[in-house]
PDB file of all heavy atoms in Angstrom:
ATOM      1  N   SER A   1       0.858  -1.179   0.000  1.00  0.00           N
ATOM      2  CA  SER A   1       0.000   0.001   0.000  1.00  0.00           C
ATOM      3  C   SER A   1       0.900   1.235   0.003  1.00  0.00           C
ATOM      4  O   SER A   1       2.118   1.130   0.222  1.00  0.00           O
ATOM      5  CB  SER A   1      -0.895   0.016   1.243  1.00  0.00           C
ATOM      6  OG  SER A   1      -0.106   0.124   2.420  1.00  0.00           O
ATOM      7  N   GLU A   2       0.303   2.393  -0.227  1.00  0.00           N
ATOM      8  CA  GLU A   2       1.087   3.619  -0.191  1.00  0.00           C
ATOM      9  C   GLU A   2       1.717   3.799   1.189  1.00  0.00           C
ATOM     10  O   GLU A   2       2.841   4.296   1.322  1.00  0.00           O
ATOM     11  CB  GLU A   2       0.221   4.830  -0.524  1.00  0.00           C
ATOM     12  CG  GLU A   2      -0.195   4.898  -1.999  1.00  0.00           C
ATOM     13  CD  GLU A   2      -0.851   6.214  -2.353  1.00  0.00           C
ATOM     14  OE1 GLU A   2      -0.850   7.128  -1.501  1.00  0.00           O
ATOM     15  OE2 GLU A   2      -1.362   6.338  -3.480  1.00  0.00           O
ATOM     16  N   GLU A   3       1.008   3.350   2.220  1.00  0.00           N
ATOM     17  CA  GLU A   3       1.541   3.464   3.591  1.00  0.00           C
ATOM     18  C   GLU A   3       2.756   2.578   3.784  1.00  0.00           C
ATOM     19  O   GLU A   3       3.788   3.029   4.265  1.00  0.00           O
ATOM     20  CB  GLU A   3       0.449   3.086   4.590  1.00  0.00           C
ATOM     21  CG  GLU A   3       0.898   3.238   6.043  1.00  0.00           C
ATOM     22  CD  GLU A   3      -0.172   2.769   7.026  1.00  0.00           C
ATOM     23  OE1 GLU A   3      -0.954   1.859   6.678  1.00  0.00           O
ATOM     24  OE2 GLU A   3      -0.195   3.281   8.154  1.00  0.00           O
ATOM     25  N   SER A   4       2.656   1.296   3.399  1.00  0.00           N
ATOM     26  CA  SER A   4       3.774   0.377   3.613  1.00  0.00           C
ATOM     27  C   SER A   4       4.975   0.753   2.739  1.00  0.00           C
ATOM     28  O   SER A   4       6.119   0.609   3.167  1.00  0.00           O
ATOM     29  CB  SER A   4       3.349  -1.060   3.360  1.00  0.00           C
ATOM     30  OG  SER A   4       2.913  -1.241   2.028  1.00  0.00           O
ATOM     31  N   VAL A   5       4.723   1.239   1.521  1.00  0.00           N
ATOM     32  CA  VAL A   5       5.824   1.693   0.668  1.00  0.00           C
ATOM     33  C   VAL A   5       6.498   2.898   1.292  1.00  0.00           C
ATOM     34  O   VAL A   5       7.735   3.005   1.347  1.00  0.00           O
ATOM     35  CB  VAL A   5       5.322   2.029  -0.760  1.00  0.00           C
ATOM     36  CG1 VAL A   5       6.430   2.671  -1.594  1.00  0.00           C
ATOM     37  CG2 VAL A   5       4.806   0.760  -1.452  1.00  0.00           C
ATOM     38  N   GLY A   6       5.699   3.836   1.803  1.00  0.00           N
ATOM     39  CA  GLY A   6       6.257   5.017   2.461  1.00  0.00           C
ATOM     40  C   GLY A   6       7.065   4.654   3.698  1.00  0.00           C
ATOM     41  O   GLY A   6       8.122   5.243   3.953  1.00  0.00           O
ATOM     42  N   GLN A   7       6.576   3.678   4.462  1.00  0.00           N
ATOM     43  CA  GLN A   7       7.310   3.241   5.649  1.00  0.00           C
ATOM     44  C   GLN A   7       8.622   2.570   5.279  1.00  0.00           C
ATOM     45  O   GLN A   7       9.641   2.759   5.939  1.00  0.00           O
ATOM     46  CB  GLN A   7       6.434   2.309   6.474  1.00  0.00           C
ATOM     47  CG  GLN A   7       5.281   3.012   7.176  1.00  0.00           C
ATOM     48  CD  GLN A   7       4.115   2.109   7.497  1.00  0.00           C
ATOM     49  OE1 GLN A   7       4.090   0.932   7.114  1.00  0.00           O
ATOM     50  NE2 GLN A   7       3.142   2.623   8.194  1.00  0.00           N
ATOM     51  N   THR A   8       8.606   1.789   4.203  1.00  0.00           N
ATOM     52  CA  THR A   8       9.839   1.144   3.741  1.00  0.00           C
ATOM     53  C   THR A   8      10.850   2.193   3.305  1.00  0.00           C
ATOM     54  O   THR A   8      12.033   2.116   3.642  1.00  0.00           O
ATOM     55  CB  THR A   8       9.526   0.182   2.582  1.00  0.00           C
ATOM     56  OG1 THR A   8       8.591  -0.799   3.009  1.00  0.00           O
ATOM     57  CG2 THR A   8      10.791  -0.498   2.094  1.00  0.00           C
ATOM     58  N   ILE A   9      10.380   3.178   2.541  1.00  0.00           N
ATOM     59  CA  ILE A   9      11.262   4.264   2.112  1.00  0.00           C
ATOM     60  C   ILE A   9      11.848   4.978   3.320  1.00  0.00           C
ATOM     61  O   ILE A   9      13.060   5.253   3.383  1.00  0.00           O
ATOM     62  CB  ILE A   9      10.484   5.271   1.230  1.00  0.00           C
ATOM     63  CG1 ILE A   9      10.110   4.619  -0.110  1.00  0.00           C
ATOM     64  CG2 ILE A   9      11.299   6.542   1.010  1.00  0.00           C
ATOM     65  CD1 ILE A   9       9.150   5.447  -0.941  1.00  0.00           C
ATOM     66  N   GLY A  10      11.002   5.261   4.315  1.00  0.00           N
ATOM     67  CA  GLY A  10      11.477   5.961   5.506  1.00  0.00           C
ATOM     68  C   GLY A  10      12.519   5.183   6.264  1.00  0.00           C
ATOM     69  O   GLY A  10      13.507   5.754   6.747  1.00  0.00           O
ATOM     70  N   MET A  11      12.335   3.874   6.369  1.00  0.00           N
ATOM     71  CA  MET A  11      13.305   3.058   7.100  1.00  0.00           C
ATOM     72  C   MET A  11      14.622   2.922   6.351  1.00  0.00           C
ATOM     73  O   MET A  11      15.697   2.957   6.945  1.00  0.00           O
ATOM     74  CB  MET A  11      12.708   1.686   7.428  1.00  0.00           C
ATOM     75  CG  MET A  11      11.725   1.707   8.584  1.00  0.00           C
ATOM     76  SD  MET A  11      11.170   0.069   9.098  1.00  0.00           S
ATOM     77  CE  MET A  11       9.841  -0.183   7.906  1.00  0.00           C
ATOM     78  N   VAL A  12      14.557   2.768   5.043  1.00  0.00           N
ATOM     79  CA  VAL A  12      15.783   2.634   4.254  1.00  0.00           C
ATOM     80  C   VAL A  12      16.565   3.937   4.232  1.00  0.00           C
ATOM     81  O   VAL A  12      17.793   3.944   4.314  1.00  0.00           O
ATOM     82  CB  VAL A  12      15.455   2.184   2.806  1.00  0.00           C
ATOM     83  CG1 VAL A  12      16.679   2.319   1.900  1.00  0.00           C
ATOM     84  CG2 VAL A  12      14.955   0.740   2.809  1.00  0.00           C
ATOM     85  N   SER A  13      15.881   5.076   4.157  1.00  0.00           N
ATOM     86  CA  SER A  13      16.558   6.367   4.075  1.00  0.00           C
ATOM     87  C   SER A  13      16.853   6.953   5.438  1.00  0.00           C
ATOM     88  O   SER A  13      17.586   7.961   5.525  1.00  0.00           O
ATOM     89  CB  SER A  13      15.695   7.359   3.276  1.00  0.00           C
ATOM     90  OG  SER A  13      14.446   7.577   3.921  1.00  0.00           O
ATOM     91  N   GLY A  14      16.335   6.374   6.531  1.00  0.00           N
ATOM     92  CA  GLY A  14      16.534   6.923   7.869  1.00  0.00           C
ATOM     93  C   GLY A  14      17.873   6.532   8.444  1.00  0.00           C
ATOM     94  O   GLY A  14      17.976   5.556   9.182  1.00  0.00           O
ATOM     95  N   ALA A  15      18.905   7.287   8.141  1.00  0.00           N
ATOM     96  CA  ALA A  15      20.254   6.979   8.611  1.00  0.00           C
ATOM     97  C   ALA A  15      20.294   6.955  10.130  1.00  0.00           C
ATOM     98  O   ALA A  15      19.825   7.857  10.798  1.00  0.00           O
ATOM     99  CB  ALA A  15      21.244   7.999   8.070  1.00  0.00           C
ATOM    100  N   GLY A  16      20.900   5.912  10.684  1.00  0.00           N
ATOM    101  CA  GLY A  16      21.074   5.807  12.118  1.00  0.00           C
ATOM    102  C   GLY A  16      19.865   5.281  12.860  1.00  0.00           C
ATOM    103  O   GLY A  16      19.924   5.067  14.064  1.00  0.00           O
ATOM    104  N   GLU A  17      18.732   5.096  12.164  1.00  0.00           N
ATOM    105  CA  GLU A  17      17.533   4.655  12.861  1.00  0.00           C
ATOM    106  C   GLU A  17      17.369   3.137  12.838  1.00  0.00           C
ATOM    107  O   GLU A  17      16.396   2.623  13.344  1.00  0.00           O
ATOM    108  CB  GLU A  17      16.296   5.309  12.208  1.00  0.00           C
ATOM    109  CG  GLU A  17      16.200   6.786  12.462  1.00  0.00           C
ATOM    110  CD  GLU A  17      16.072   7.113  13.944  1.00  0.00           C
ATOM    111  OE1 GLU A  17      15.281   6.454  14.641  1.00  0.00           O
ATOM    112  OE2 GLU A  17      16.784   8.013  14.409  1.00  0.00           O
ATOM    113  N   GLY A  18      18.296   2.426  12.223  1.00  0.00           N
ATOM    114  CA  GLY A  18      18.206   0.980  12.228  1.00  0.00           C
ATOM    115  C   GLY A  18      18.748   0.376  10.951  1.00  0.00           C
ATOM    116  O   GLY A  18      19.402  -0.659  10.960  1.00  0.00           O
ATOM    117  N   GLU A  19      18.482   1.010   9.810  1.00  0.00           N
ATOM    118  CA  GLU A  19      18.934   0.459   8.539  1.00  0.00           C
ATOM    119  C   GLU A  19      20.460   0.475   8.479  1.00  0.00           C
ATOM    120  O   GLU A  19      21.115   1.500   8.695  1.00  0.00           O
ATOM    121  CB  GLU A  19      18.371   1.315   7.391  1.00  0.00           C
ATOM    122  CG  GLU A  19      18.823   0.871   6.008  1.00  0.00           C
ATOM    123  CD  GLU A  19      18.235  -0.494   5.617  1.00  0.00           C
ATOM    124  OE1 GLU A  19      17.316  -0.963   6.283  1.00  0.00           O
ATOM    125  OE2 GLU A  19      18.732  -1.054   4.634  1.00  0.00           O
ATOM    126  N   GLY A  20      21.044  -0.686   8.229  1.00  0.00           N
ATOM    127  CA  GLY A  20      22.496  -0.788   8.115  1.00  0.00           C
ATOM    128  C   GLY A  20      23.193  -0.979   9.443  1.00  0.00           C
ATOM    129  O   GLY A  20      24.406  -1.222   9.480  1.00  0.00           O
ATOM    130  N   VAL A  21      22.502  -0.857  10.564  1.00  0.00           N
ATOM    131  CA  VAL A  21      23.108  -1.048  11.875  1.00  0.00           C
ATOM    132  C   VAL A  21      23.229  -2.547  12.145  1.00  0.00           C
ATOM    133  O   VAL A  21      22.267  -3.283  11.949  1.00  0.00           O
ATOM    134  CB  VAL A  21      22.248  -0.383  12.987  1.00  0.00           C
ATOM    135  CG1 VAL A  21      22.858  -0.672  14.355  1.00  0.00           C
ATOM    136  CG2 VAL A  21      22.139   1.105  12.731  1.00  0.00           C
ATOM    137  N   PRO A  22      24.426  -3.020  12.552  1.00  0.00           N
ATOM    138  CA  PRO A  22      24.597  -4.459  12.776  1.00  0.00           C
ATOM    139  C   PRO A  22      23.554  -5.023  13.733  1.00  0.00           C
ATOM    140  O   PRO A  22      23.311  -4.461  14.802  1.00  0.00           O
ATOM    141  CB  PRO A  22      26.010  -4.543  13.381  1.00  0.00           C
ATOM    142  CG  PRO A  22      26.714  -3.332  12.860  1.00  0.00           C
ATOM    143  CD  PRO A  22      25.659  -2.264  12.775  1.00  0.00           C
ATOM    144  N   GLY A  23      22.927  -6.130  13.333  1.00  0.00           N
ATOM    145  CA  GLY A  23      21.921  -6.759  14.179  1.00  0.00           C
ATOM    146  C   GLY A  23      20.533  -6.170  14.068  1.00  0.00           C
ATOM    147  O   GLY A  23      19.585  -6.712  14.639  1.00  0.00           O
ATOM    148  N   ALA A  24      20.406  -5.058  13.346  1.00  0.00           N
ATOM    149  CA  ALA A  24      19.075  -4.420  13.213  1.00  0.00           C
ATOM    150  C   ALA A  24      18.236  -5.214  12.219  1.00  0.00           C
ATOM    151  O   ALA A  24      18.744  -5.831  11.285  1.00  0.00           O
ATOM    152  CB  ALA A  24      19.226  -2.985  12.729  1.00  0.00           C
ATOM    153  N   PRO A  25      16.920  -5.213  12.411  1.00  0.00           N
ATOM    154  CA  PRO A  25      16.036  -5.952  11.489  1.00  0.00           C
ATOM    155  C   PRO A  25      15.937  -5.243  10.141  1.00  0.00           C
ATOM    156  O   PRO A  25      16.176  -4.036  10.033  1.00  0.00           O
ATOM    157  CB  PRO A  25      14.691  -5.942  12.203  1.00  0.00           C
ATOM    158  CG  PRO A  25      14.723  -4.697  13.023  1.00  0.00           C
ATOM    159  CD  PRO A  25      16.155  -4.552  13.464  1.00  0.00           C
ATOM    160  N   ARG A  26      15.600  -6.001   9.117  1.00  0.00           N
ATOM    161  CA  ARG A  26      15.321  -5.399   7.809  1.00  0.00           C
ATOM    162  C   ARG A  26      13.938  -4.786   7.838  1.00  0.00           C
ATOM    163  O   ARG A  26      13.070  -5.195   8.625  1.00  0.00           O
ATOM    164  CB  ARG A  26      15.385  -6.477   6.727  1.00  0.00           C
ATOM    165  CG  ARG A  26      16.750  -7.073   6.500  1.00  0.00           C
ATOM    166  CD  ARG A  26      16.697  -8.229   5.542  1.00  0.00           C
ATOM    167  NE  ARG A  26      16.051  -7.879   4.281  1.00  0.00           N
ATOM    168  CZ  ARG A  26      15.860  -8.748   3.282  1.00  0.00           C
ATOM    169  NH1 ARG A  26      16.242 -10.006   3.421  1.00  0.00           N
ATOM    170  NH2 ARG A  26      15.275  -8.357   2.175  1.00  0.00           N
ATOM    171  N   PRO A  27      13.690  -3.771   6.997  1.00  0.00           N
ATOM    172  CA  PRO A  27      12.328  -3.187   6.940  1.00  0.00           C
ATOM    173  C   PRO A  27      11.249  -4.239   6.693  1.00  0.00           C
ATOM    174  O   PRO A  27      10.165  -4.163   7.266  1.00  0.00           O
ATOM    175  CB  PRO A  27      12.425  -2.203   5.774  1.00  0.00           C
ATOM    176  CG  PRO A  27      13.863  -1.760   5.795  1.00  0.00           C
ATOM    177  CD  PRO A  27      14.641  -2.980   6.204  1.00  0.00           C
TER     178      PRO A  27
END
């Protein structure tokens, strides 16, 4: 949905919020 796509975009582009951090979950 537009909501889930937007949330995925936000998590991938949110530096330091979890994406790319060792042990952090994938979106």
